[in-house]
Amino acid sequence: MVTAITHLQLEIDRLQTEIDNIATGATGALNTSICAFLYNLGPQAINTNAIANFSNTGFLNGITFSTSNTLTILTAGNYLINVSINSAPGIPMYAIFKNGIMINGSNVAHNNNTESDNIVITIVHNFNVNDKITLRNVGNAGSLLNVGTNIQLTINSLGI
């Protein structure tokens, strides 16, 4: 377990350094005062339409996170969301929801019944103050996530 926690701290440090070093691009620089990093340790079964669990927070700046596994936006604007899911064999499908409604283009499926896989979702989306964000399994059956760090989510304001 110490190895997994050490790995996560290294990942948190790497992500913070990456955020700190991002140059202004066509969509603007990331606003590091408004960002969050969440992750889950250990296996979990996520039933169809159920919200994924995040057991730990790396950092929360200008975004809140509740025990109902919901992020709340405190400042309106465009945000970059990255999700990485280490899924066990099967055909799960995940999506990011805003206020209980799936965000178009945020759903990604794993189409391999026999092998584990890493599912990645990356979106840029405009959020209003008090919008609620969740990650859900939208596949046809429950999904078992692999042991270890099986879900990571980062969200950053693009400052525009």
C-alpha atoms as a PDB file:
ATOM      1  CA  MET A   1       0.000   0.000   0.000  1.00  0.00           C
ATOM      2  CA  VAL A   2       2.883   2.358   0.705  1.00  0.00           C
ATOM      3  CA  THR A   3       4.028   1.894  -2.886  1.00  0.00           C
ATOM      4  CA  ALA A   4       0.616   2.929  -4.271  1.00  0.00           C
ATOM      5  CA  ILE A   5       0.472   5.989  -2.020  1.00  0.00           C
ATOM      6  CA  THR A   6       4.049   6.945  -2.913  1.00  0.00           C
ATOM      7  CA  HIS A   7       3.197   6.556  -6.606  1.00  0.00           C
ATOM      8  CA  LEU A   8       0.146   8.785  -6.155  1.00  0.00           C
ATOM      9  CA  GLN A   9       2.139  11.485  -4.383  1.00  0.00           C
ATOM     10  CA  LEU A  10       4.660  11.445  -7.215  1.00  0.00           C
ATOM     11  CA  GLU A  11       1.787  11.722  -9.713  1.00  0.00           C
ATOM     12  CA  ILE A  12       0.266  14.621  -7.750  1.00  0.00           C
ATOM     13  CA  ASP A  13       3.637  16.401  -7.677  1.00  0.00           C
ATOM     14  CA  ARG A  14       4.124  15.761 -11.415  1.00  0.00           C
ATOM     15  CA  LEU A  15       0.669  17.096 -12.254  1.00  0.00           C
ATOM     16  CA  GLN A  16       1.169  20.199 -10.106  1.00  0.00           C
ATOM     17  CA  THR A  17       4.504  20.880 -11.823  1.00  0.00           C
ATOM     18  CA  GLU A  18       2.881  20.327 -15.216  1.00  0.00           C
ATOM     19  CA  ILE A  19       0.067  22.730 -14.330  1.00  0.00           C
ATOM     20  CA  ASP A  20       2.554  25.316 -13.067  1.00  0.00           C
ATOM     21  CA  ASN A  21       4.581  25.120 -16.290  1.00  0.00           C
ATOM     22  CA  ILE A  22       1.820  25.255 -18.910  1.00  0.00           C
ATOM     23  CA  ALA A  23       2.224  28.155 -21.314  1.00  0.00           C
ATOM     24  CA  THR A  24      -0.620  30.229 -22.631  1.00  0.00           C
ATOM     25  CA  GLY A  25      -2.087  28.590 -25.717  1.00  0.00           C
ATOM     26  CA  ALA A  26      -4.985  29.209 -28.077  1.00  0.00           C
ATOM     27  CA  THR A  27      -7.493  28.441 -25.322  1.00  0.00           C
ATOM     28  CA  GLY A  28      -5.632  30.353 -22.604  1.00  0.00           C
ATOM     29  CA  ALA A  29      -3.478  29.277 -19.728  1.00  0.00           C
ATOM     30  CA  LEU A  30      -4.714  26.939 -17.038  1.00  0.00           C
ATOM     31  CA  ASN A  31      -5.781  28.791 -13.934  1.00  0.00           C
ATOM     32  CA  THR A  32      -3.955  26.885 -11.209  1.00  0.00           C
ATOM     33  CA  SER A  33      -5.937  28.672  -8.512  1.00  0.00           C
ATOM     34  CA  ILE A  34      -9.012  26.775  -9.791  1.00  0.00           C
ATOM     35  CA  CYS A  35      -8.214  23.070 -10.100  1.00  0.00           C
ATOM     36  CA  ALA A  36      -8.752  19.684  -8.483  1.00  0.00           C
ATOM     37  CA  PHE A  37      -7.175  16.225  -8.479  1.00  0.00           C
ATOM     38  CA  LEU A  38      -9.174  13.204  -7.258  1.00  0.00           C
ATOM     39  CA  TYR A  39      -8.374   9.510  -7.246  1.00  0.00           C
ATOM     40  CA  ASN A  40      -9.605   6.171  -5.942  1.00  0.00           C
ATOM     41  CA  LEU A  41      -7.542   3.477  -4.248  1.00  0.00           C
ATOM     42  CA  GLY A  42      -8.715  -0.113  -4.273  1.00  0.00           C
ATOM     43  CA  PRO A  43     -11.306  -2.055  -6.215  1.00  0.00           C
ATOM     44  CA  GLN A  44     -14.884  -0.963  -6.618  1.00  0.00           C
ATOM     45  CA  ALA A  45     -17.927  -2.214  -8.461  1.00  0.00           C
ATOM     46  CA  ILE A  46     -19.836   0.560 -10.211  1.00  0.00           C
ATOM     47  CA  ASN A  47     -23.361  -0.416 -11.203  1.00  0.00           C
ATOM     48  CA  THR A  48     -25.041   0.942 -14.315  1.00  0.00           C
ATOM     49  CA  ASN A  49     -25.841   4.659 -13.910  1.00  0.00           C
ATOM     50  CA  ALA A  50     -24.004   4.737 -10.576  1.00  0.00           C
ATOM     51  CA  ILE A  51     -21.531   7.461  -9.679  1.00  0.00           C
ATOM     52  CA  ALA A  52     -17.874   6.434  -9.439  1.00  0.00           C
ATOM     53  CA  ASN A  53     -16.247   6.700  -6.024  1.00  0.00           C
ATOM     54  CA  PHE A  54     -13.176   8.827  -5.347  1.00  0.00           C
ATOM     55  CA  SER A  55     -11.539   7.810  -2.075  1.00  0.00           C
ATOM     56  CA  ASN A  56      -8.934  10.587  -1.961  1.00  0.00           C
ATOM     57  CA  THR A  57      -8.328  14.170  -3.013  1.00  0.00           C
ATOM     58  CA  GLY A  58      -4.888  15.337  -4.047  1.00  0.00           C
ATOM     59  CA  PHE A  59      -5.708  19.034  -4.133  1.00  0.00           C
ATOM     60  CA  LEU A  60      -8.830  21.167  -4.308  1.00  0.00           C
ATOM     61  CA  ASN A  61      -8.426  24.812  -5.274  1.00  0.00           C
ATOM     62  CA  GLY A  62     -11.571  26.821  -6.013  1.00  0.00           C
ATOM     63  CA  ILE A  63     -13.654  23.637  -6.558  1.00  0.00           C
ATOM     64  CA  THR A  64     -15.440  21.677  -3.839  1.00  0.00           C
ATOM     65  CA  PHE A  65     -15.838  17.916  -3.507  1.00  0.00           C
ATOM     66  CA  SER A  66     -18.543  16.225  -1.447  1.00  0.00           C
ATOM     67  CA  THR A  67     -18.967  12.799   0.113  1.00  0.00           C
ATOM     68  CA  SER A  68     -21.532  12.093  -2.631  1.00  0.00           C
ATOM     69  CA  ASN A  69     -18.549  12.039  -5.072  1.00  0.00           C
ATOM     70  CA  THR A  70     -19.677  15.283  -6.676  1.00  0.00           C
ATOM     71  CA  LEU A  71     -17.493  18.218  -7.704  1.00  0.00           C
ATOM     72  CA  THR A  72     -19.060  21.681  -7.496  1.00  0.00           C
ATOM     73  CA  ILE A  73     -17.840  24.535  -9.692  1.00  0.00           C
ATOM     74  CA  LEU A  74     -17.424  27.807  -7.780  1.00  0.00           C
ATOM     75  CA  THR A  75     -16.330  30.028 -10.703  1.00  0.00           C
ATOM     76  CA  ALA A  76     -18.009  30.014 -14.114  1.00  0.00           C
ATOM     77  CA  GLY A  77     -15.831  29.394 -17.162  1.00  0.00           C
ATOM     78  CA  ASN A  78     -14.246  26.857 -19.464  1.00  0.00           C
ATOM     79  CA  TYR A  79     -12.632  23.845 -17.803  1.00  0.00           C
ATOM     80  CA  LEU A  80     -10.376  21.042 -18.988  1.00  0.00           C
ATOM     81  CA  ILE A  81     -11.310  17.655 -17.477  1.00  0.00           C
ATOM     82  CA  ASN A  82      -9.082  14.587 -17.760  1.00  0.00           C
ATOM     83  CA  VAL A  83     -10.201  11.191 -16.468  1.00  0.00           C
ATOM     84  CA  SER A  84      -8.198   7.970 -16.464  1.00  0.00           C
ATOM     85  CA  ILE A  85      -9.922   4.694 -15.528  1.00  0.00           C
ATOM     86  CA  ASN A  86      -8.086   1.385 -15.133  1.00  0.00           C
ATOM     87  CA  SER A  87     -10.891  -1.050 -15.891  1.00  0.00           C
ATOM     88  CA  ALA A  88     -11.035  -4.806 -15.503  1.00  0.00           C
ATOM     89  CA  PRO A  89     -12.141  -6.955 -18.485  1.00  0.00           C
ATOM     90  CA  GLY A  90     -15.666  -6.336 -19.638  1.00  0.00           C
ATOM     91  CA  ILE A  91     -17.464  -3.671 -21.631  1.00  0.00           C
ATOM     92  CA  PRO A  92     -17.937  -0.713 -19.296  1.00  0.00           C
ATOM     93  CA  MET A  93     -18.763   2.750 -20.576  1.00  0.00           C
ATOM     94  CA  TYR A  94     -18.139   5.896 -18.572  1.00  0.00           C
ATOM     95  CA  ALA A  95     -19.248   9.504 -18.999  1.00  0.00           C
ATOM     96  CA  ILE A  96     -18.969  12.842 -17.264  1.00  0.00           C
ATOM     97  CA  PHE A  97     -22.257  14.335 -16.087  1.00  0.00           C
ATOM     98  CA  LYS A  98     -23.161  17.960 -15.420  1.00  0.00           C
ATOM     99  CA  ASN A  99     -26.161  18.475 -13.128  1.00  0.00           C
ATOM    100  CA  GLY A 100     -27.291  14.893 -13.752  1.00  0.00           C
ATOM    101  CA  ILE A 101     -27.103  15.124 -17.572  1.00  0.00           C
ATOM    102  CA  MET A 102     -24.365  13.463 -19.624  1.00  0.00           C
ATOM    103  CA  ILE A 103     -22.020  15.928 -21.324  1.00  0.00           C
ATOM    104  CA  ASN A 104     -22.018  15.227 -25.073  1.00  0.00           C
ATOM    105  CA  GLY A 105     -18.744  13.694 -26.215  1.00  0.00           C
ATOM    106  CA  SER A 106     -17.676  12.673 -22.708  1.00  0.00           C
ATOM    107  CA  ASN A 107     -18.660   9.009 -22.948  1.00  0.00           C
ATOM    108  CA  VAL A 108     -15.955   6.446 -23.646  1.00  0.00           C
ATOM    109  CA  ALA A 109     -16.286   2.669 -23.771  1.00  0.00           C
ATOM    110  CA  HIS A 110     -13.819  -0.146 -23.156  1.00  0.00           C
ATOM    111  CA  ASN A 111     -14.546  -2.850 -25.719  1.00  0.00           C
ATOM    112  CA  ASN A 112     -12.487  -5.779 -24.526  1.00  0.00           C
ATOM    113  CA  ASN A 113     -14.081  -8.658 -22.624  1.00  0.00           C
ATOM    114  CA  THR A 114     -10.807 -10.436 -21.919  1.00  0.00           C
ATOM    115  CA  GLU A 115      -8.187  -7.805 -21.018  1.00  0.00           C
ATOM    116  CA  SER A 116      -7.842  -4.924 -18.611  1.00  0.00           C
ATOM    117  CA  ASP A 117      -7.599  -1.525 -20.202  1.00  0.00           C
ATOM    118  CA  ASN A 118      -7.049   2.130 -19.433  1.00  0.00           C
ATOM    119  CA  ILE A 119      -9.976   4.326 -20.460  1.00  0.00           C
ATOM    120  CA  VAL A 120      -9.244   8.040 -20.965  1.00  0.00           C
ATOM    121  CA  ILE A 121     -11.757  10.877 -21.211  1.00  0.00           C
ATOM    122  CA  THR A 122     -10.613  14.423 -22.040  1.00  0.00           C
ATOM    123  CA  ILE A 123     -13.051  17.279 -22.579  1.00  0.00           C
ATOM    124  CA  VAL A 124     -13.227  21.054 -22.482  1.00  0.00           C
ATOM    125  CA  HIS A 125     -16.590  22.311 -21.305  1.00  0.00           C
ATOM    126  CA  ASN A 126     -18.196  25.523 -20.074  1.00  0.00           C
ATOM    127  CA  PHE A 127     -19.570  25.386 -16.541  1.00  0.00           C
ATOM    128  CA  ASN A 128     -21.653  27.826 -14.517  1.00  0.00           C
ATOM    129  CA  VAL A 129     -21.369  28.574 -10.807  1.00  0.00           C
ATOM    130  CA  ASN A 130     -22.725  25.671  -8.705  1.00  0.00           C
ATOM    131  CA  ASP A 131     -22.745  23.182 -11.589  1.00  0.00           C
ATOM    132  CA  LYS A 132     -22.313  19.645 -10.238  1.00  0.00           C
ATOM    133  CA  ILE A 133     -19.917  17.208 -11.950  1.00  0.00           C
ATOM    134  CA  THR A 134     -19.946  13.420 -11.557  1.00  0.00           C
ATOM    135  CA  LEU A 135     -18.403  10.428 -13.327  1.00  0.00           C
ATOM    136  CA  ARG A 136     -20.803   7.565 -13.995  1.00  0.00           C
ATOM    137  CA  ASN A 137     -20.836   4.087 -15.482  1.00  0.00           C
ATOM    138  CA  VAL A 138     -23.305   4.344 -18.377  1.00  0.00           C
ATOM    139  CA  GLY A 139     -22.697   0.839 -19.739  1.00  0.00           C
ATOM    140  CA  ASN A 140     -25.146  -2.035 -19.733  1.00  0.00           C
ATOM    141  CA  ALA A 141     -23.674  -3.849 -16.742  1.00  0.00           C
ATOM    142  CA  GLY A 142     -21.756  -3.106 -13.577  1.00  0.00           C
ATOM    143  CA  SER A 143     -18.032  -2.594 -13.942  1.00  0.00           C
ATOM    144  CA  LEU A 144     -15.270  -3.913 -11.721  1.00  0.00           C
ATOM    145  CA  LEU A 145     -12.235  -1.645 -11.510  1.00  0.00           C
ATOM    146  CA  ASN A 146      -8.747  -3.033 -11.031  1.00  0.00           C
ATOM    147  CA  VAL A 147      -6.967  -3.038  -7.671  1.00  0.00           C
ATOM    148  CA  GLY A 148      -4.725  -0.030  -7.136  1.00  0.00           C
ATOM    149  CA  THR A 149      -5.200   3.471  -8.444  1.00  0.00           C
ATOM    150  CA  ASN A 150      -8.140   2.800 -10.688  1.00  0.00           C
ATOM    151  CA  ILE A 151      -9.632   6.258 -11.286  1.00  0.00           C
ATOM    152  CA  GLN A 152      -7.928   9.628 -11.519  1.00  0.00           C
ATOM    153  CA  LEU A 153      -9.668  12.894 -12.381  1.00  0.00           C
ATOM    154  CA  THR A 154      -8.157  16.331 -12.863  1.00  0.00           C
ATOM    155  CA  ILE A 155     -10.083  19.504 -13.637  1.00  0.00           C
ATOM    156  CA  ASN A 156      -8.537  22.873 -14.428  1.00  0.00           C
ATOM    157  CA  SER A 157     -10.014  26.247 -15.264  1.00  0.00           C
ATOM    158  CA  LEU A 158      -8.781  27.524 -18.609  1.00  0.00           C
ATOM    159  CA  GLY A 159      -9.156  31.077 -17.373  1.00  0.00           C
ATOM    160  CA  ILE A 160     -11.370  32.204 -20.268  1.00  0.00           C
END
